[in-house]
Protein backbone atom coordinates (compact mmCIF):
# COMPACT_ATOMS: atom_id res chain seq x y z
CA MET A 1 60.51 -46.24 9.06
CA GLY A 2 57.24 -48.13 8.62
CA ILE A 3 55.60 -46.40 11.57
CA GLN A 4 56.73 -42.96 10.34
CA LYS A 5 55.08 -43.60 6.95
CA ILE A 6 51.85 -44.94 8.44
CA ALA A 7 51.41 -42.09 10.98
CA PRO A 8 50.58 -39.34 8.40
CA VAL A 9 48.07 -41.66 6.73
CA LEU A 10 46.33 -42.32 10.05
CA LEU A 11 46.26 -38.63 10.88
CA GLY A 12 44.71 -37.83 7.50
CA ALA A 13 42.07 -40.52 7.94
CA LEU A 14 41.20 -39.20 11.41
CA ALA A 15 40.89 -35.65 10.03
CA LEU A 16 38.54 -36.80 7.26
CA LEU A 17 36.51 -38.78 9.77
CA GLY A 18 36.21 -35.74 12.04
CA ALA A 19 35.15 -33.52 9.16
CA GLY A 20 32.54 -36.05 8.09
CA CYS A 21 31.13 -36.27 11.60
CA SER A 22 30.96 -32.48 11.91
CA SER A 23 29.04 -32.21 8.62
CA MET A 24 26.38 -34.69 9.72
CA PRO A 25 23.00 -33.11 10.50
CA GLN A 26 22.77 -32.08 14.12
CA PRO A 27 19.57 -32.41 16.17
CA VAL A 28 17.47 -29.24 16.14
CA LYS A 29 15.75 -28.29 19.38
CA VAL A 30 13.57 -25.46 20.58
CA ASP A 31 15.33 -23.12 23.01
CA PHE A 32 13.08 -23.40 26.04
CA ALA A 33 13.46 -20.86 28.81
CA GLU A 34 15.01 -22.34 31.91
CA ALA A 35 12.76 -22.58 34.96
CA ARG A 36 13.73 -20.10 37.67
CA PRO A 37 12.95 -20.46 41.36
CA ALA A 38 10.45 -18.01 42.80
CA GLN A 39 12.08 -14.89 44.19
CA PRO A 40 10.67 -12.72 46.96
CA ALA A 41 9.08 -9.48 45.84
CA PRO A 42 11.58 -6.59 45.96
CA ALA A 43 11.05 -3.76 48.37
CA PRO A 44 9.21 -0.79 46.88
CA VAL A 45 11.47 1.92 45.54
CA LEU A 46 10.84 5.31 47.06
CA ARG A 47 10.57 7.97 44.37
CA PRO A 48 11.86 11.46 45.08
CA ALA A 49 9.14 13.93 45.90
CA ASN A 50 8.49 16.25 42.96
CA GLY A 51 5.47 18.07 44.38
CA SER A 52 2.93 16.18 42.24
CA LEU A 53 0.70 13.17 42.92
CA PHE A 54 0.52 12.24 39.21
CA SER A 55 3.17 10.12 37.52
CA THR A 56 2.97 9.20 33.83
CA VAL A 57 4.87 5.95 34.30
CA SER A 58 2.89 4.54 37.25
CA TYR A 59 -0.51 5.98 36.30
CA ARG A 60 -3.33 3.39 36.07
CA PRO A 61 -6.90 4.64 35.61
CA ALA A 62 -9.36 3.21 38.13
CA PHE A 63 -12.29 3.12 35.69
CA GLU A 64 -10.74 1.63 32.56
CA ASP A 65 -9.98 -1.78 31.09
CA PRO A 66 -6.62 -3.03 32.31
CA ARG A 67 -3.94 -2.14 29.81
CA ALA A 68 -0.24 -2.82 29.68
CA ARG A 69 1.63 0.07 31.26
CA SER A 70 4.42 -1.35 33.42
CA VAL A 71 7.49 -3.49 32.88
CA GLY A 72 6.50 -7.14 32.66
CA ASP A 73 3.03 -6.55 31.17
CA THR A 74 2.20 -8.36 27.95
CA ILE A 75 0.87 -6.98 24.65
CA THR A 76 -0.32 -8.94 21.61
CA ILE A 77 1.09 -7.64 18.34
CA GLN A 78 -0.90 -8.22 15.17
CA ILE A 79 1.73 -8.26 12.43
CA ILE A 80 0.22 -6.97 9.19
CA GLU A 81 2.95 -5.62 6.93
CA ASN A 82 2.51 -5.02 3.20
CA VAL A 83 5.37 -3.22 1.47
CA THR A 84 5.37 -2.64 -2.28
CA ALA A 85 7.89 -0.54 -4.17
CA SER A 86 8.55 -0.02 -7.88
CA GLN A 87 10.81 2.23 -9.91
CA VAL A 88 11.15 2.75 -13.67
CA SER A 89 13.84 4.85 -15.36
CA LYS A 90 14.53 5.61 -19.01
CA SER A 91 17.28 7.67 -20.65
CA SER A 92 18.36 8.43 -24.22
CA SER A 93 21.06 10.53 -25.84
CA ASN A 94 21.71 11.36 -29.51
CA ARG A 95 24.64 13.21 -31.05
CA THR A 96 25.52 13.79 -34.71
CA SER A 97 28.44 15.81 -36.09
CA SER A 98 29.93 16.35 -39.58
CA LEU A 99 32.87 18.23 -41.10
CA ASP A 100 33.59 19.17 -44.76
CA ALA A 101 36.83 20.76 -45.96
CA SER A 102 38.39 21.57 -49.32
CA VAL A 103 41.84 22.62 -50.58
CA SER A 104 42.15 25.40 -53.18
CA ALA A 105 45.89 25.24 -53.84
CA ALA A 106 48.82 23.04 -52.93
CA PRO A 107 52.41 22.78 -54.16
CA LEU A 108 53.28 20.00 -56.63
CA ILE A 109 49.58 19.21 -57.23
CA SER A 110 47.77 20.22 -60.39
CA PRO A 111 44.54 22.30 -60.18
CA MET A 112 42.55 19.38 -61.67
CA ASP A 113 43.69 17.04 -58.91
CA ILE A 114 42.98 19.68 -56.30
CA ALA A 115 39.40 20.03 -57.61
CA ASN A 116 38.84 16.31 -57.09
CA LEU A 117 40.35 16.43 -53.59
CA LYS A 118 37.72 16.66 -50.85
CA LEU A 119 38.05 16.11 -47.15
CA GLY A 120 35.16 15.23 -44.92
CA THR A 121 34.29 13.41 -41.71
CA ALA A 122 31.07 12.48 -39.95
CA SER A 123 30.20 10.84 -36.64
CA SER A 124 27.04 9.76 -34.94
CA ASN A 125 26.45 8.53 -31.40
CA ASP A 126 23.22 7.05 -30.07
CA PHE A 127 22.57 5.87 -26.53
CA SER A 128 19.45 4.56 -24.90
CA GLY A 129 18.92 2.81 -21.60
CA LYS A 130 16.04 1.44 -19.60
CA GLY A 131 15.86 0.14 -16.05
CA GLY A 132 13.25 -1.02 -13.63
CA THR A 133 12.96 -2.56 -10.19
CA GLU A 134 10.01 -3.90 -8.25
CA SER A 135 9.63 -5.56 -4.87
CA ALA A 136 6.67 -6.76 -2.83
CA ASN A 137 6.82 -8.10 0.73
CA THR A 138 3.97 -9.46 2.85
CA PHE A 139 4.39 -10.38 6.52
CA SER A 140 1.45 -11.44 8.69
CA GLY A 141 1.11 -13.18 12.03
CA SER A 142 0.73 -12.50 15.72
CA ILE A 143 3.04 -12.60 18.72
CA THR A 144 2.70 -11.62 22.37
CA ALA A 145 5.54 -9.39 23.56
CA THR A 146 6.59 -8.25 27.02
CA VAL A 147 7.17 -4.67 28.13
CA VAL A 148 10.90 -4.41 28.88
CA GLU A 149 11.17 -0.65 29.45
CA VAL A 150 8.91 2.35 30.06
CA LEU A 151 10.22 5.63 28.69
CA ALA A 152 9.89 9.00 30.40
CA ASN A 153 6.92 9.98 28.19
CA GLY A 154 5.04 6.77 28.99
CA HIS A 155 5.84 4.96 25.75
CA MET A 156 6.73 1.30 26.17
CA VAL A 157 9.56 -0.70 24.61
CA VAL A 158 8.39 -4.27 23.98
CA SER A 159 10.22 -7.40 22.92
CA GLY A 160 9.00 -10.92 22.26
CA GLU A 161 10.06 -14.22 20.72
CA LYS A 162 8.15 -17.30 19.59
CA GLN A 163 9.64 -20.69 18.67
CA ILE A 164 7.74 -23.57 17.07
CA GLY A 165 9.48 -26.89 16.45
CA VAL A 166 8.05 -29.57 14.16
CA ASN A 167 9.98 -32.62 12.90
CA GLN A 168 13.51 -31.33 13.46
CA ASN A 169 12.62 -27.90 12.07
CA VAL A 170 12.25 -24.82 14.27
CA ASP A 171 10.53 -21.61 13.16
CA VAL A 172 11.62 -18.55 15.15
CA LEU A 173 9.64 -15.28 15.20
CA ARG A 174 11.02 -12.22 16.96
CA PHE A 175 9.58 -8.75 17.40
CA SER A 176 10.56 -5.52 19.16
CA GLY A 177 9.48 -1.88 19.00
CA THR A 178 8.10 1.13 20.85
CA ILE A 179 4.36 1.49 21.55
CA ASP A 180 2.29 4.50 22.52
CA PRO A 181 -0.29 3.46 25.19
CA LYS A 182 -2.95 5.51 23.38
CA VAL A 183 -3.02 3.07 20.43
CA ILE A 184 -3.58 -0.04 22.55
CA GLN A 185 -6.93 -1.65 21.73
CA PRO A 186 -9.10 -3.57 24.20
CA GLY A 187 -7.51 -6.86 25.10
CA ASN A 188 -4.00 -5.38 24.90
CA VAL A 189 -3.81 -5.73 21.13
CA VAL A 190 -1.76 -3.45 18.88
CA SER A 191 -1.27 -3.46 15.12
CA SER A 192 2.33 -3.58 13.96
CA THR A 193 1.69 -0.60 11.68
CA LYS A 194 1.33 1.57 14.82
CA VAL A 195 4.57 0.41 16.43
CA ALA A 196 7.54 2.74 16.16
CA ASN A 197 11.02 1.39 15.40
CA ALA A 198 9.52 -2.03 14.69
CA ARG A 199 11.96 -4.89 14.23
CA MET A 200 10.62 -8.27 13.15
CA GLU A 201 12.37 -11.43 12.05
CA SER A 202 11.15 -14.82 10.87
CA ARG A 203 13.73 -17.51 10.27
CA GLY A 204 14.08 -21.25 10.50
CA ARG A 205 16.57 -23.78 11.83
CA GLY A 206 16.92 -27.34 10.66
CA ALA A 207 17.12 -29.37 7.45
CA GLN A 208 15.02 -26.93 5.41
CA ALA A 209 17.18 -23.95 6.37
CA GLU A 210 20.39 -25.89 5.68
CA ALA A 211 19.14 -26.90 2.21
CA GLN A 212 18.84 -23.20 1.28
CA THR A 213 22.42 -22.33 2.24
CA VAL A 214 25.55 -22.60 0.10
CA GLY A 215 28.23 -25.06 1.21
CA LEU A 216 31.55 -23.96 2.65
CA LEU A 217 33.66 -25.04 -0.34
CA SER A 218 31.18 -23.50 -2.79
CA ARG A 219 31.39 -20.15 -1.00
CA PHE A 220 35.20 -20.41 -1.01
CA PHE A 221 35.48 -20.98 -4.75
CA MET A 222 32.75 -18.45 -5.59
CA SER A 223 34.64 -15.75 -3.68
CA PHE A 224 37.40 -15.51 -6.31
CA LEU A 225 35.99 -17.08 -9.50
CA PRO A 226 35.47 -14.37 -12.14
CA PHE A 227 32.46 -16.12 -13.74
């Protein structure tokens, strides 16, 4: 009987110990790309003959600064995003109504009492409302992305990621989008405002990011508390 009573206590203590260990801060590391052994160059792919010597995808001018055009080329993205939005709305409504009525004759009531009898009602409704919203976002930085796909019209799909780790905190910057080769500046630089379908993300991992999150139990109780 003594062992049967002690076993649940030991199991509970082990569960609390495991939960405490899991909640301890974990080491934060930068996700470095794994080194890959050098691979032999693949054999050239023979394109079907279409009767033309010009190809938009493989075209590279002989007398022009080298620009990114093929899969694997790199492009530097200058992220300059300023988004400001504001909205103001006002509404008002007024309504007033009144009703007067009188009785000239009624059974079992004297004419003098009827003269003093007056019926009337009045109502008034007023409503006014105001609302406003305003937001301002600024995002600036730079990242070098890699061409991952070349579309049929020559536009390039790029994607890139940058990770910086300092004192157990990692800042991650990601970017992807579609670029028209005509907007590429010398040095393979493109402004983010000229990138179509741009997707950018800046987030952190580590103690600072964990301090800005709500705990598990707090989220549980906040999910059903009415106040």
